Amino acid sequence: MSFKISKIVIGKGKTTTDEKQSEWVRRYYEVEAIVQDEHAIEVAKASIEGLIDGWLTNQRKEPAETWDPAKIKWTEEEGFKGKYDKSEDVNNPEFKAMLKDMQQHKGRMAREGYFYWVFENGSTVGRKQMKKKTGQETP
């Protein structure tokens, strides 16, 4: 079986209540995205889920940590989805600030043209340069 994904629709909702008012509030957001490179489907999905999670979070977040990725040691790796950068620079204060910032974003985030993610071990970070948008296509 062969297929090509060109568009994804992701929806998420959250129901909350205020016990004093005994009222339920249901919030639901849905995002439809056109995927130009089918190999970037996982990155698109993760980015959209992070965006929706941010909308659903009704709490004011702490200001983002400031960290400089240029001050972190990165090594180039090859994965099944292509080349990416990897860091295990755990003794570096910049790396620690990055991990703290990423924890506020549920281990995945986009910043300055890169998509960052935390590996399952919790102390390794990967990053991959995101492709720039070249314009809109007509369906």
C-alpha atoms as a PDB file:
ATOM      1  CA  MET A   1       0.000   0.000   0.000  1.00  0.00           C
ATOM      2  CA  SER A   2       1.336   3.433  -0.914  1.00  0.00           C
ATOM      3  CA  PHE A   3       0.080   6.868   0.084  1.00  0.00           C
ATOM      4  CA  LYS A   4       1.260  10.458   0.435  1.00  0.00           C
ATOM      5  CA  ILE A   5       0.254  12.753   3.274  1.00  0.00           C
ATOM      6  CA  SER A   6      -0.197  16.330   2.140  1.00  0.00           C
ATOM      7  CA  LYS A   7      -2.529  17.725   4.813  1.00  0.00           C
ATOM      8  CA  ILE A   8      -3.067  16.979   8.507  1.00  0.00           C
ATOM      9  CA  VAL A   9      -5.792  18.051  10.916  1.00  0.00           C
ATOM     10  CA  ILE A  10      -5.049  17.935  14.629  1.00  0.00           C
ATOM     11  CA  GLY A  11      -7.581  18.724  17.305  1.00  0.00           C
ATOM     12  CA  LYS A  12      -7.341  18.772  21.089  1.00  0.00           C
ATOM     13  CA  GLY A  13      -9.685  19.825  23.827  1.00  0.00           C
ATOM     14  CA  LYS A  14      -9.826  20.347  27.547  1.00  0.00           C
ATOM     15  CA  THR A  15     -12.727  20.468  29.947  1.00  0.00           C
ATOM     16  CA  THR A  16     -12.320  22.353  33.214  1.00  0.00           C
ATOM     17  CA  THR A  17     -14.587  23.295  36.083  1.00  0.00           C
ATOM     18  CA  ASP A  18     -14.682  25.909  38.773  1.00  0.00           C
ATOM     19  CA  GLU A  19     -16.034  24.188  41.883  1.00  0.00           C
ATOM     20  CA  LYS A  20     -17.403  27.465  43.270  1.00  0.00           C
ATOM     21  CA  GLN A  21     -19.524  28.096  40.175  1.00  0.00           C
ATOM     22  CA  SER A  22     -20.270  24.422  39.439  1.00  0.00           C
ATOM     23  CA  GLU A  23     -19.853  25.205  35.759  1.00  0.00           C
ATOM     24  CA  TRP A  24     -17.987  23.168  33.167  1.00  0.00           C
ATOM     25  CA  VAL A  25     -15.968  24.905  30.462  1.00  0.00           C
ATOM     26  CA  ARG A  26     -15.037  22.992  27.316  1.00  0.00           C
ATOM     27  CA  ARG A  27     -12.320  24.414  25.064  1.00  0.00           C
ATOM     28  CA  TYR A  28     -11.407  22.749  21.800  1.00  0.00           C
ATOM     29  CA  TYR A  29      -8.973  23.861  19.122  1.00  0.00           C
ATOM     30  CA  GLU A  30      -8.364  22.315  15.737  1.00  0.00           C
ATOM     31  CA  VAL A  31      -5.553  23.177  13.342  1.00  0.00           C
ATOM     32  CA  GLU A  32      -5.384  22.175   9.704  1.00  0.00           C
ATOM     33  CA  ALA A  33      -1.957  22.280   8.083  1.00  0.00           C
ATOM     34  CA  ILE A  34      -0.669  21.647   4.596  1.00  0.00           C
ATOM     35  CA  VAL A  35       2.546  19.643   4.745  1.00  0.00           C
ATOM     36  CA  GLN A  36       4.909  20.494   1.930  1.00  0.00           C
ATOM     37  CA  ASP A  37       7.467  17.797   2.733  1.00  0.00           C
ATOM     38  CA  GLU A  38       5.902  14.501   3.769  1.00  0.00           C
ATOM     39  CA  HIS A  39       9.092  13.592   5.643  1.00  0.00           C
ATOM     40  CA  ALA A  40       8.455  16.510   8.003  1.00  0.00           C
ATOM     41  CA  ILE A  41       5.060  15.198   9.106  1.00  0.00           C
ATOM     42  CA  GLU A  42       6.257  14.318  12.636  1.00  0.00           C
ATOM     43  CA  VAL A  43       7.847  17.750  13.122  1.00  0.00           C
ATOM     44  CA  ALA A  44       4.632  19.418  11.905  1.00  0.00           C
ATOM     45  CA  LYS A  45       2.507  17.273  14.226  1.00  0.00           C
ATOM     46  CA  ALA A  46       4.702  18.007  17.252  1.00  0.00           C
ATOM     47  CA  SER A  47       4.743  21.744  16.512  1.00  0.00           C
ATOM     48  CA  ILE A  48       0.963  21.901  16.110  1.00  0.00           C
ATOM     49  CA  GLU A  49       0.359  19.877  19.278  1.00  0.00           C
ATOM     50  CA  GLY A  50       2.658  22.235  21.188  1.00  0.00           C
ATOM     51  CA  LEU A  51       0.782  25.233  19.808  1.00  0.00           C
ATOM     52  CA  ILE A  52      -2.602  23.807  20.821  1.00  0.00           C
ATOM     53  CA  ASP A  53      -1.277  22.768  24.252  1.00  0.00           C
ATOM     54  CA  GLY A  54      -0.221  26.387  24.766  1.00  0.00           C
ATOM     55  CA  TRP A  55      -3.705  27.598  23.879  1.00  0.00           C
ATOM     56  CA  LEU A  56      -5.305  25.078  26.232  1.00  0.00           C
ATOM     57  CA  THR A  57      -3.075  26.014  29.152  1.00  0.00           C
ATOM     58  CA  ASN A  58      -4.913  28.699  31.026  1.00  0.00           C
ATOM     59  CA  GLN A  59      -1.980  29.523  33.268  1.00  0.00           C
ATOM     60  CA  ARG A  60       0.463  32.344  32.896  1.00  0.00           C
ATOM     61  CA  LYS A  61       3.821  30.770  32.261  1.00  0.00           C
ATOM     62  CA  GLU A  62       7.103  31.926  33.642  1.00  0.00           C
ATOM     63  CA  PRO A  63       9.159  33.931  31.171  1.00  0.00           C
ATOM     64  CA  ALA A  64      11.154  31.714  28.839  1.00  0.00           C
ATOM     65  CA  GLU A  65      14.647  30.848  29.932  1.00  0.00           C
ATOM     66  CA  THR A  66      17.381  32.680  28.098  1.00  0.00           C
ATOM     67  CA  TRP A  67      20.030  30.406  26.651  1.00  0.00           C
ATOM     68  CA  ASP A  68      22.361  30.564  23.699  1.00  0.00           C
ATOM     69  CA  PRO A  69      22.489  27.424  21.526  1.00  0.00           C
ATOM     70  CA  ALA A  70      25.834  28.593  20.108  1.00  0.00           C
ATOM     71  CA  LYS A  71      27.373  28.095  23.573  1.00  0.00           C
ATOM     72  CA  ILE A  72      26.275  24.446  23.694  1.00  0.00           C
ATOM     73  CA  LYS A  73      28.394  21.622  22.286  1.00  0.00           C
ATOM     74  CA  TRP A  74      26.529  19.870  19.437  1.00  0.00           C
ATOM     75  CA  THR A  75      27.543  16.818  17.428  1.00  0.00           C
ATOM     76  CA  GLU A  76      26.112  15.948  14.045  1.00  0.00           C
ATOM     77  CA  GLU A  77      24.263  12.637  13.924  1.00  0.00           C
ATOM     78  CA  GLU A  78      22.420  10.656  11.270  1.00  0.00           C
ATOM     79  CA  GLY A  79      18.991   9.287  12.130  1.00  0.00           C
ATOM     80  CA  PHE A  80      16.350   7.471  10.132  1.00  0.00           C
ATOM     81  CA  LYS A  81      14.837  10.882   9.269  1.00  0.00           C
ATOM     82  CA  GLY A  82      18.150  12.405   8.207  1.00  0.00           C
ATOM     83  CA  LYS A  83      20.867  14.518   9.796  1.00  0.00           C
ATOM     84  CA  TYR A  84      20.348  16.313  13.093  1.00  0.00           C
ATOM     85  CA  ASP A  85      22.415  17.808  15.914  1.00  0.00           C
ATOM     86  CA  LYS A  86      22.647  16.152  19.320  1.00  0.00           C
ATOM     87  CA  SER A  87      23.901  17.459  22.671  1.00  0.00           C
ATOM     88  CA  GLU A  88      24.669  15.833  26.003  1.00  0.00           C
ATOM     89  CA  ASP A  89      26.524  18.874  27.386  1.00  0.00           C
ATOM     90  CA  VAL A  90      24.960  18.419  30.858  1.00  0.00           C
ATOM     91  CA  ASN A  91      27.597  20.367  32.822  1.00  0.00           C
ATOM     92  CA  ASN A  92      27.082  23.496  30.714  1.00  0.00           C
ATOM     93  CA  PRO A  93      24.863  26.213  32.327  1.00  0.00           C
ATOM     94  CA  GLU A  94      23.443  27.065  28.870  1.00  0.00           C
ATOM     95  CA  PHE A  95      22.429  23.418  28.381  1.00  0.00           C
ATOM     96  CA  LYS A  96      20.787  23.361  31.825  1.00  0.00           C
ATOM     97  CA  ALA A  97      18.819  26.527  31.009  1.00  0.00           C
ATOM     98  CA  MET A  98      17.770  24.985  27.676  1.00  0.00           C
ATOM     99  CA  LEU A  99      16.520  21.819  29.405  1.00  0.00           C
ATOM    100  CA  LYS A 100      14.550  23.888  31.930  1.00  0.00           C
ATOM    101  CA  ASP A 101      12.969  25.906  29.110  1.00  0.00           C
ATOM    102  CA  MET A 102      12.137  22.728  27.222  1.00  0.00           C
ATOM    103  CA  GLN A 103      10.456  21.232  30.308  1.00  0.00           C
ATOM    104  CA  GLN A 104       8.047  24.180  30.220  1.00  0.00           C
ATOM    105  CA  HIS A 105       7.282  23.214  26.600  1.00  0.00           C
ATOM    106  CA  LYS A 106       6.737  19.497  27.318  1.00  0.00           C
ATOM    107  CA  GLY A 107      10.111  18.503  25.852  1.00  0.00           C
ATOM    108  CA  ARG A 108       9.524  19.882  22.348  1.00  0.00           C
ATOM    109  CA  MET A 109       9.852  23.382  20.975  1.00  0.00           C
ATOM    110  CA  ALA A 110      10.757  25.486  17.974  1.00  0.00           C
ATOM    111  CA  ARG A 111      13.198  28.356  18.359  1.00  0.00           C
ATOM    112  CA  GLU A 112      15.289  30.472  15.981  1.00  0.00           C
ATOM    113  CA  GLY A 113      14.709  28.211  12.974  1.00  0.00           C
ATOM    114  CA  TYR A 114      15.350  24.926  14.800  1.00  0.00           C
ATOM    115  CA  PHE A 115      13.028  22.280  16.233  1.00  0.00           C
ATOM    116  CA  TYR A 116      14.347  20.950  19.577  1.00  0.00           C
ATOM    117  CA  TRP A 117      13.328  17.785  21.413  1.00  0.00           C
ATOM    118  CA  VAL A 118      14.428  15.949  24.555  1.00  0.00           C
ATOM    119  CA  PHE A 119      15.275  12.261  24.211  1.00  0.00           C
ATOM    120  CA  GLU A 120      13.599   9.705  26.493  1.00  0.00           C
ATOM    121  CA  ASN A 121      16.614   9.629  28.833  1.00  0.00           C
ATOM    122  CA  GLY A 122      15.847  13.263  29.773  1.00  0.00           C
ATOM    123  CA  SER A 123      19.450  14.452  29.461  1.00  0.00           C
ATOM    124  CA  THR A 124      20.010  14.394  25.699  1.00  0.00           C
ATOM    125  CA  VAL A 125      18.659  17.027  23.329  1.00  0.00           C
ATOM    126  CA  GLY A 126      18.303  16.853  19.583  1.00  0.00           C
ATOM    127  CA  ARG A 127      17.714  19.674  17.159  1.00  0.00           C
ATOM    128  CA  LYS A 128      16.979  19.858  13.472  1.00  0.00           C
ATOM    129  CA  GLN A 129      16.885  22.910  11.287  1.00  0.00           C
ATOM    130  CA  MET A 130      13.376  23.638  10.075  1.00  0.00           C
ATOM    131  CA  LYS A 131      12.849  24.317   6.398  1.00  0.00           C
ATOM    132  CA  LYS A 132      11.866  27.844   5.491  1.00  0.00           C
ATOM    133  CA  LYS A 133       8.491  28.444   3.941  1.00  0.00           C
ATOM    134  CA  THR A 134       8.853  29.327   0.282  1.00  0.00           C
ATOM    135  CA  GLY A 135       5.345  30.632  -0.265  1.00  0.00           C
ATOM    136  CA  GLN A 136       1.852  29.340  -0.438  1.00  0.00           C
ATOM    137  CA  GLU A 137       0.713  26.659  -2.799  1.00  0.00           C
ATOM    138  CA  THR A 138      -2.751  26.528  -4.180  1.00  0.00           C
ATOM    139  CA  PRO A 139      -4.543  23.239  -3.608  1.00  0.00           C
END
